Amino acid sequence: MKSKLGMGLIAVFGLLVMLLNQPFLSIPQGQVSGIPSILIYLLTIWLMVIGTMVWLSKRAGDQ
């Protein structure tokens, strides 16, 4: 059980590193309602990573 959680967290970390590299950071351009879209991108990635980690932790705790 612990190894599945560890592997999942490593996968989430790898995805985070990939999404925060230069090719992906250059995709959002412009503004949305006066807010720079890069900030919206970073906030979305951050929330998705936290949500995925919580989901993985709860799923590992249920088993």
PDB file of N, CA and C in Angstrom:
ATOM      1  N   MET A   1       0.829  -1.202   0.000  1.00  0.00           N
ATOM      2  CA  MET A   1       0.000   0.000   0.000  1.00  0.00           C
ATOM      3  C   MET A   1       0.863   1.251   0.000  1.00  0.00           C
ATOM      4  N   LYS A   2       1.848   1.268   0.860  1.00  0.00           N
ATOM      5  CA  LYS A   2       2.689   2.458   0.949  1.00  0.00           C
ATOM      6  C   LYS A   2       3.473   2.674  -0.344  1.00  0.00           C
ATOM      7  N   SER A   3       3.856   1.589  -0.988  1.00  0.00           N
ATOM      8  CA  SER A   3       4.631   1.750  -2.211  1.00  0.00           C
ATOM      9  C   SER A   3       3.769   2.341  -3.328  1.00  0.00           C
ATOM     10  N   LYS A   4       2.469   1.982  -3.375  1.00  0.00           N
ATOM     11  CA  LYS A   4       1.587   2.574  -4.378  1.00  0.00           C
ATOM     12  C   LYS A   4       1.418   4.065  -4.138  1.00  0.00           C
ATOM     13  N   LEU A   5       1.302   4.452  -2.854  1.00  0.00           N
ATOM     14  CA  LEU A   5       1.194   5.871  -2.526  1.00  0.00           C
ATOM     15  C   LEU A   5       2.466   6.601  -2.925  1.00  0.00           C
ATOM     16  N   GLY A   6       3.603   6.012  -2.607  1.00  0.00           N
ATOM     17  CA  GLY A   6       4.878   6.630  -2.954  1.00  0.00           C
ATOM     18  C   GLY A   6       5.051   6.777  -4.452  1.00  0.00           C
ATOM     19  N   MET A   7       4.677   5.740  -5.192  1.00  0.00           N
ATOM     20  CA  MET A   7       4.789   5.803  -6.646  1.00  0.00           C
ATOM     21  C   MET A   7       3.847   6.856  -7.223  1.00  0.00           C
ATOM     22  N   GLY A   8       2.649   6.971  -6.640  1.00  0.00           N
ATOM     23  CA  GLY A   8       1.710   7.986  -7.098  1.00  0.00           C
ATOM     24  C   GLY A   8       2.213   9.389  -6.835  1.00  0.00           C
ATOM     25  N   LEU A   9       2.795   9.601  -5.654  1.00  0.00           N
ATOM     26  CA  LEU A   9       3.322  10.922  -5.322  1.00  0.00           C
ATOM     27  C   LEU A   9       4.527  11.273  -6.196  1.00  0.00           C
ATOM     28  N   ILE A  10       5.345  10.272  -6.511  1.00  0.00           N
ATOM     29  CA  ILE A  10       6.470  10.519  -7.417  1.00  0.00           C
ATOM     30  C   ILE A  10       5.965  10.880  -8.806  1.00  0.00           C
ATOM     31  N   ALA A  11       4.907  10.212  -9.249  1.00  0.00           N
ATOM     32  CA  ALA A  11       4.325  10.526 -10.559  1.00  0.00           C
ATOM     33  C   ALA A  11       3.756  11.945 -10.572  1.00  0.00           C
ATOM     34  N   VAL A  12       3.097  12.349  -9.489  1.00  0.00           N
ATOM     35  CA  VAL A  12       2.554  13.711  -9.404  1.00  0.00           C
ATOM     36  C   VAL A  12       3.692  14.728  -9.418  1.00  0.00           C
ATOM     37  N   PHE A  13       4.772  14.429  -8.717  1.00  0.00           N
ATOM     38  CA  PHE A  13       5.921  15.328  -8.710  1.00  0.00           C
ATOM     39  C   PHE A  13       6.525  15.446 -10.107  1.00  0.00           C
ATOM     40  N   GLY A  14       6.652  14.319 -10.808  1.00  0.00           N
ATOM     41  CA  GLY A  14       7.179  14.348 -12.173  1.00  0.00           C
ATOM     42  C   GLY A  14       6.298  15.169 -13.099  1.00  0.00           C
ATOM     43  N   LEU A  15       4.988  15.010 -12.959  1.00  0.00           N
ATOM     44  CA  LEU A  15       4.059  15.800 -13.770  1.00  0.00           C
ATOM     45  C   LEU A  15       4.181  17.285 -13.437  1.00  0.00           C
ATOM     46  N   LEU A  16       4.345  17.603 -12.154  1.00  0.00           N
ATOM     47  CA  LEU A  16       4.510  18.999 -11.748  1.00  0.00           C
ATOM     48  C   LEU A  16       5.768  19.598 -12.356  1.00  0.00           C
ATOM     49  N   VAL A  17       6.858  18.858 -12.323  1.00  0.00           N
ATOM     50  CA  VAL A  17       8.106  19.349 -12.913  1.00  0.00           C
ATOM     51  C   VAL A  17       7.929  19.578 -14.407  1.00  0.00           C
ATOM     52  N   MET A  18       7.230  18.648 -15.072  1.00  0.00           N
ATOM     53  CA  MET A  18       7.011  18.792 -16.505  1.00  0.00           C
ATOM     54  C   MET A  18       6.153  20.024 -16.807  1.00  0.00           C
ATOM     55  N   LEU A  19       5.099  20.246 -16.033  1.00  0.00           N
ATOM     56  CA  LEU A  19       4.190  21.367 -16.295  1.00  0.00           C
ATOM     57  C   LEU A  19       4.799  22.721 -15.946  1.00  0.00           C
ATOM     58  N   LEU A  20       5.840  22.721 -15.129  1.00  0.00           N
ATOM     59  CA  LEU A  20       6.471  23.988 -14.754  1.00  0.00           C
ATOM     60  C   LEU A  20       7.749  24.259 -15.540  1.00  0.00           C
ATOM     61  N   ASN A  21       7.993  23.496 -16.609  1.00  0.00           N
ATOM     62  CA  ASN A  21       9.127  23.756 -17.484  1.00  0.00           C
ATOM     63  C   ASN A  21       8.774  24.805 -18.519  1.00  0.00           C
ATOM     64  N   GLN A  22       9.790  25.329 -19.172  1.00  0.00           N
ATOM     65  CA  GLN A  22       9.623  26.453 -20.078  1.00  0.00           C
ATOM     66  C   GLN A  22       8.608  26.244 -21.201  1.00  0.00           C
ATOM     67  N   PRO A  23       8.572  25.133 -21.910  1.00  0.00           N
ATOM     68  CA  PRO A  23       7.589  25.053 -23.003  1.00  0.00           C
ATOM     69  C   PRO A  23       6.143  25.226 -22.523  1.00  0.00           C
ATOM     70  N   PHE A  24       5.831  24.673 -21.373  1.00  0.00           N
ATOM     71  CA  PHE A  24       4.466  24.788 -20.860  1.00  0.00           C
ATOM     72  C   PHE A  24       4.200  26.161 -20.240  1.00  0.00           C
ATOM     73  N   LEU A  25       5.216  26.778 -19.669  1.00  0.00           N
ATOM     74  CA  LEU A  25       5.025  28.106 -19.074  1.00  0.00           C
ATOM     75  C   LEU A  25       4.839  29.195 -20.123  1.00  0.00           C
ATOM     76  N   SER A  26       5.250  28.930 -21.342  1.00  0.00           N
ATOM     77  CA  SER A  26       5.100  29.948 -22.380  1.00  0.00           C
ATOM     78  C   SER A  26       3.746  29.864 -23.088  1.00  0.00           C
ATOM     79  N   ILE A  27       2.950  28.858 -22.796  1.00  0.00           N
ATOM     80  CA  ILE A  27       1.644  28.698 -23.456  1.00  0.00           C
ATOM     81  C   ILE A  27       0.657  29.795 -23.049  1.00  0.00           C
ATOM     82  N   PRO A  28       0.426  30.028 -21.748  1.00  0.00           N
ATOM     83  CA  PRO A  28      -0.574  31.053 -21.405  1.00  0.00           C
ATOM     84  C   PRO A  28      -0.042  32.455 -21.684  1.00  0.00           C
ATOM     85  N   GLN A  29      -0.789  33.198 -22.490  1.00  0.00           N
ATOM     86  CA  GLN A  29      -0.407  34.565 -22.819  1.00  0.00           C
ATOM     87  C   GLN A  29      -1.636  35.450 -22.713  1.00  0.00           C
ATOM     88  N   GLY A  30      -1.413  36.700 -22.394  1.00  0.00           N
ATOM     89  CA  GLY A  30      -2.511  37.644 -22.312  1.00  0.00           C
ATOM     90  C   GLY A  30      -3.087  37.742 -20.916  1.00  0.00           C
ATOM     91  N   GLN A  31      -4.329  38.227 -20.868  1.00  0.00           N
ATOM     92  CA  GLN A  31      -4.997  38.428 -19.585  1.00  0.00           C
ATOM     93  C   GLN A  31      -6.426  37.906 -19.666  1.00  0.00           C
ATOM     94  N   VAL A  32      -6.921  37.501 -18.516  1.00  0.00           N
ATOM     95  CA  VAL A  32      -8.318  37.081 -18.382  1.00  0.00           C
ATOM     96  C   VAL A  32      -8.912  37.928 -17.275  1.00  0.00           C
ATOM     97  N   SER A  33      -9.839  38.781 -17.617  1.00  0.00           N
ATOM     98  CA  SER A  33     -10.473  39.701 -16.659  1.00  0.00           C
ATOM     99  C   SER A  33      -9.438  40.535 -15.909  1.00  0.00           C
ATOM    100  N   GLY A  34      -8.382  40.937 -16.583  1.00  0.00           N
ATOM    101  CA  GLY A  34      -7.365  41.783 -15.972  1.00  0.00           C
ATOM    102  C   GLY A  34      -6.302  41.025 -15.192  1.00  0.00           C
ATOM    103  N   ILE A  35      -6.411  39.713 -15.119  1.00  0.00           N
ATOM    104  CA  ILE A  35      -5.439  38.896 -14.391  1.00  0.00           C
ATOM    105  C   ILE A  35      -4.540  38.217 -15.425  1.00  0.00           C
ATOM    106  N   PRO A  36      -3.229  38.315 -15.256  1.00  0.00           N
ATOM    107  CA  PRO A  36      -2.344  37.639 -16.216  1.00  0.00           C
ATOM    108  C   PRO A  36      -2.627  36.137 -16.247  1.00  0.00           C
ATOM    109  N   SER A  37      -2.731  35.586 -17.439  1.00  0.00           N
ATOM    110  CA  SER A  37      -3.104  34.182 -17.577  1.00  0.00           C
ATOM    111  C   SER A  37      -2.042  33.237 -17.014  1.00  0.00           C
ATOM    112  N   ILE A  38      -0.794  33.685 -16.919  1.00  0.00           N
ATOM    113  CA  ILE A  38       0.236  32.831 -16.314  1.00  0.00           C
ATOM    114  C   ILE A  38      -0.076  32.587 -14.835  1.00  0.00           C
ATOM    115  N   LEU A  39      -0.621  33.578 -14.156  1.00  0.00           N
ATOM    116  CA  LEU A  39      -0.989  33.382 -12.758  1.00  0.00           C
ATOM    117  C   LEU A  39      -2.147  32.399 -12.620  1.00  0.00           C
ATOM    118  N   ILE A  40      -3.094  32.485 -13.519  1.00  0.00           N
ATOM    119  CA  ILE A  40      -4.212  31.541 -13.505  1.00  0.00           C
ATOM    120  C   ILE A  40      -3.697  30.132 -13.787  1.00  0.00           C
ATOM    121  N   TYR A  41      -2.777  29.997 -14.716  1.00  0.00           N
ATOM    122  CA  TYR A  41      -2.173  28.702 -15.041  1.00  0.00           C
ATOM    123  C   TYR A  41      -1.470  28.126 -13.810  1.00  0.00           C
ATOM    124  N   LEU A  42      -0.628  28.927 -13.162  1.00  0.00           N
ATOM    125  CA  LEU A  42       0.115  28.442 -11.998  1.00  0.00           C
ATOM    126  C   LEU A  42      -0.811  28.075 -10.849  1.00  0.00           C
ATOM    127  N   LEU A  43      -1.848  28.873 -10.611  1.00  0.00           N
ATOM    128  CA  LEU A  43      -2.798  28.567  -9.547  1.00  0.00           C
ATOM    129  C   LEU A  43      -3.557  27.276  -9.852  1.00  0.00           C
ATOM    130  N   THR A  44      -3.939  27.095 -11.101  1.00  0.00           N
ATOM    131  CA  THR A  44      -4.653  25.881 -11.492  1.00  0.00           C
ATOM    132  C   THR A  44      -3.771  24.648 -11.304  1.00  0.00           C
ATOM    133  N   ILE A  45      -2.525  24.721 -11.738  1.00  0.00           N
ATOM    134  CA  ILE A  45      -1.600  23.598 -11.571  1.00  0.00           C
ATOM    135  C   ILE A  45      -1.406  23.296 -10.093  1.00  0.00           C
ATOM    136  N   TRP A  46      -1.213  24.320  -9.295  1.00  0.00           N
ATOM    137  CA  TRP A  46      -1.004  24.160  -7.859  1.00  0.00           C
ATOM    138  C   TRP A  46      -2.207  23.471  -7.216  1.00  0.00           C
ATOM    139  N   LEU A  47      -3.418  23.932  -7.528  1.00  0.00           N
ATOM    140  CA  LEU A  47      -4.621  23.333  -6.951  1.00  0.00           C
ATOM    141  C   LEU A  47      -4.814  21.890  -7.426  1.00  0.00           C
ATOM    142  N   MET A  48      -4.506  21.623  -8.681  1.00  0.00           N
ATOM    143  CA  MET A  48      -4.639  20.255  -9.187  1.00  0.00           C
ATOM    144  C   MET A  48      -3.648  19.309  -8.508  1.00  0.00           C
ATOM    145  N   VAL A  49      -2.437  19.763  -8.264  1.00  0.00           N
ATOM    146  CA  VAL A  49      -1.447  18.927  -7.593  1.00  0.00           C
ATOM    147  C   VAL A  49      -1.882  18.649  -6.161  1.00  0.00           C
ATOM    148  N   ILE A  50      -2.341  19.656  -5.447  1.00  0.00           N
ATOM    149  CA  ILE A  50      -2.799  19.456  -4.073  1.00  0.00           C
ATOM    150  C   ILE A  50      -3.993  18.508  -4.046  1.00  0.00           C
ATOM    151  N   GLY A  51      -4.946  18.713  -4.937  1.00  0.00           N
ATOM    152  CA  GLY A  51      -6.115  17.837  -4.992  1.00  0.00           C
ATOM    153  C   GLY A  51      -5.748  16.400  -5.309  1.00  0.00           C
ATOM    154  N   THR A  52      -4.812  16.205  -6.216  1.00  0.00           N
ATOM    155  CA  THR A  52      -4.381  14.856  -6.569  1.00  0.00           C
ATOM    156  C   THR A  52      -3.656  14.192  -5.410  1.00  0.00           C
ATOM    157  N   MET A  53      -2.840  14.936  -4.689  1.00  0.00           N
ATOM    158  CA  MET A  53      -2.147  14.372  -3.533  1.00  0.00           C
ATOM    159  C   MET A  53      -3.126  13.992  -2.422  1.00  0.00           C
ATOM    160  N   VAL A  54      -4.118  14.814  -2.192  1.00  0.00           N
ATOM    161  CA  VAL A  54      -5.138  14.491  -1.196  1.00  0.00           C
ATOM    162  C   VAL A  54      -5.895  13.245  -1.616  1.00  0.00           C
ATOM    163  N   TRP A  55      -6.270  13.174  -2.893  1.00  0.00           N
ATOM    164  CA  TRP A  55      -7.007  12.010  -3.395  1.00  0.00           C
ATOM    165  C   TRP A  55      -6.175  10.734  -3.259  1.00  0.00           C
ATOM    166  N   LEU A  56      -4.875  10.801  -3.610  1.00  0.00           N
ATOM    167  CA  LEU A  56      -4.016   9.642  -3.486  1.00  0.00           C
ATOM    168  C   LEU A  56      -3.865   9.216  -2.019  1.00  0.00           C
ATOM    169  N   SER A  57      -3.715  10.170  -1.122  1.00  0.00           N
ATOM    170  CA  SER A  57      -3.562   9.866   0.296  1.00  0.00           C
ATOM    171  C   SER A  57      -4.817   9.212   0.869  1.00  0.00           C
ATOM    172  N   LYS A  58      -5.987   9.741   0.507  1.00  0.00           N
ATOM    173  CA  LYS A  58      -7.226   9.158   0.996  1.00  0.00           C
ATOM    174  C   LYS A  58      -7.441   7.762   0.421  1.00  0.00           C
ATOM    175  N   ARG A  59      -7.108   7.583  -0.846  1.00  0.00           N
ATOM    176  CA  ARG A  59      -7.268   6.272  -1.461  1.00  0.00           C
ATOM    177  C   ARG A  59      -6.331   5.242  -0.833  1.00  0.00           C
ATOM    178  N   ALA A  60      -5.127   5.657  -0.474  1.00  0.00           N
ATOM    179  CA  ALA A  60      -4.194   4.746   0.177  1.00  0.00           C
ATOM    180  C   ALA A  60      -4.647   4.436   1.601  1.00  0.00           C
ATOM    181  N   GLY A  61      -5.305   5.390   2.253  1.00  0.00           N
ATOM    182  CA  GLY A  61      -5.791   5.166   3.607  1.00  0.00           C
ATOM    183  C   GLY A  61      -6.995   4.244   3.665  1.00  0.00           C
ATOM    184  N   ASP A  62      -7.782   4.213   2.600  1.00  0.00           N
ATOM    185  CA  ASP A  62      -8.964   3.367   2.555  1.00  0.00           C
ATOM    186  C   ASP A  62      -8.620   1.903   2.347  1.00  0.00           C
ATOM    187  N   GLN A  63      -7.465   1.641   1.754  1.00  0.00           N
ATOM    188  CA  GLN A  63      -7.115   0.257   1.422  1.00  0.00           C
ATOM    189  C   GLN A  63      -6.445  -0.439   2.552  1.00  0.00           C
TER     190      GLN A  63
END
